[in-house]
Amino acid sequence: MKTEAATRLSIAIIMFVLASFMPNWWSISIVSFVGLYSLITGFIKLRKVDEDN
């Protein structure tokens, strides 16, 4: 479960870096939304892991 949370956080960072190189607003908004979703779910999963331990 902890590796899944770390993977989601890594995906979020990659998405935000990719969004900084995108040429138009549509692609920036979609990639940023996916990155934000990954970031939020990654933190939620890390929180659940910490509560279980």
C-alpha atoms as a PDB file:
ATOM      1  CA  MET A   1       0.000   0.000   0.000  1.00  0.00           C
ATOM      2  CA  LYS A   2       2.877   2.343   0.764  1.00  0.00           C
ATOM      3  CA  THR A   3       4.475   1.650  -2.615  1.00  0.00           C
ATOM      4  CA  GLU A   4       1.191   2.478  -4.344  1.00  0.00           C
ATOM      5  CA  ALA A   5       1.067   5.813  -2.534  1.00  0.00           C
ATOM      6  CA  ALA A   6       4.663   6.561  -3.480  1.00  0.00           C
ATOM      7  CA  THR A   7       3.915   5.655  -7.094  1.00  0.00           C
ATOM      8  CA  ARG A   8       0.952   8.026  -7.168  1.00  0.00           C
ATOM      9  CA  LEU A   9       3.047  10.841  -5.736  1.00  0.00           C
ATOM     10  CA  SER A  10       5.745  10.180  -8.334  1.00  0.00           C
ATOM     11  CA  ILE A  11       3.148  10.276 -11.102  1.00  0.00           C
ATOM     12  CA  ALA A  12       1.873  13.593  -9.746  1.00  0.00           C
ATOM     13  CA  ILE A  13       5.342  15.121  -9.870  1.00  0.00           C
ATOM     14  CA  ILE A  14       5.909  13.843 -13.410  1.00  0.00           C
ATOM     15  CA  MET A  15       2.543  15.255 -14.533  1.00  0.00           C
ATOM     16  CA  PHE A  16       3.292  18.690 -13.096  1.00  0.00           C
ATOM     17  CA  VAL A  17       6.690  18.738 -14.809  1.00  0.00           C
ATOM     18  CA  LEU A  18       5.111  17.696 -18.104  1.00  0.00           C
ATOM     19  CA  ALA A  19       2.460  20.395 -17.747  1.00  0.00           C
ATOM     20  CA  SER A  20       5.153  23.042 -17.561  1.00  0.00           C
ATOM     21  CA  PHE A  21       6.266  22.106 -21.101  1.00  0.00           C
ATOM     22  CA  MET A  22       2.825  21.882 -22.699  1.00  0.00           C
ATOM     23  CA  PRO A  23       2.054  24.348 -25.498  1.00  0.00           C
ATOM     24  CA  ASN A  24      -1.665  25.034 -25.008  1.00  0.00           C
ATOM     25  CA  TRP A  25      -4.072  25.515 -22.099  1.00  0.00           C
ATOM     26  CA  TRP A  26      -6.197  22.443 -22.820  1.00  0.00           C
ATOM     27  CA  SER A  27      -3.310  20.043 -22.419  1.00  0.00           C
ATOM     28  CA  ILE A  28      -1.994  21.931 -19.385  1.00  0.00           C
ATOM     29  CA  SER A  29      -5.370  21.738 -17.645  1.00  0.00           C
ATOM     30  CA  ILE A  30      -5.878  18.035 -18.364  1.00  0.00           C
ATOM     31  CA  VAL A  31      -2.366  17.018 -17.311  1.00  0.00           C
ATOM     32  CA  SER A  32      -2.555  19.222 -14.207  1.00  0.00           C
ATOM     33  CA  PHE A  33      -5.918  17.721 -13.258  1.00  0.00           C
ATOM     34  CA  VAL A  34      -4.509  14.188 -13.519  1.00  0.00           C
ATOM     35  CA  GLY A  35      -1.471  15.275 -11.497  1.00  0.00           C
ATOM     36  CA  LEU A  36      -3.657  16.865  -8.831  1.00  0.00           C
ATOM     37  CA  TYR A  37      -5.784  13.725  -8.622  1.00  0.00           C
ATOM     38  CA  SER A  38      -2.672  11.570  -8.210  1.00  0.00           C
ATOM     39  CA  LEU A  39      -1.298  13.914  -5.568  1.00  0.00           C
ATOM     40  CA  ILE A  40      -4.493  13.901  -3.505  1.00  0.00           C
ATOM     41  CA  THR A  41      -5.016  10.146  -3.696  1.00  0.00           C
ATOM     42  CA  GLY A  42      -1.349   9.528  -2.910  1.00  0.00           C
ATOM     43  CA  PHE A  43      -1.555  11.607   0.250  1.00  0.00           C
ATOM     44  CA  ILE A  44      -4.812   9.889   1.259  1.00  0.00           C
ATOM     45  CA  LYS A  45      -3.215   6.461   0.833  1.00  0.00           C
ATOM     46  CA  LEU A  46      -0.144   7.522   2.827  1.00  0.00           C
ATOM     47  CA  ARG A  47      -2.412   8.784   5.582  1.00  0.00           C
ATOM     48  CA  LYS A  48      -4.255   5.441   5.692  1.00  0.00           C
ATOM     49  CA  VAL A  49      -0.938   3.575   5.907  1.00  0.00           C
ATOM     50  CA  ASP A  50       0.189   5.781   8.790  1.00  0.00           C
ATOM     51  CA  GLU A  51      -3.115   5.287  10.632  1.00  0.00           C
ATOM     52  CA  ASP A  52      -2.900   1.498  10.244  1.00  0.00           C
ATOM     53  CA  ASN A  53       0.592   1.418  11.769  1.00  0.00           C
END
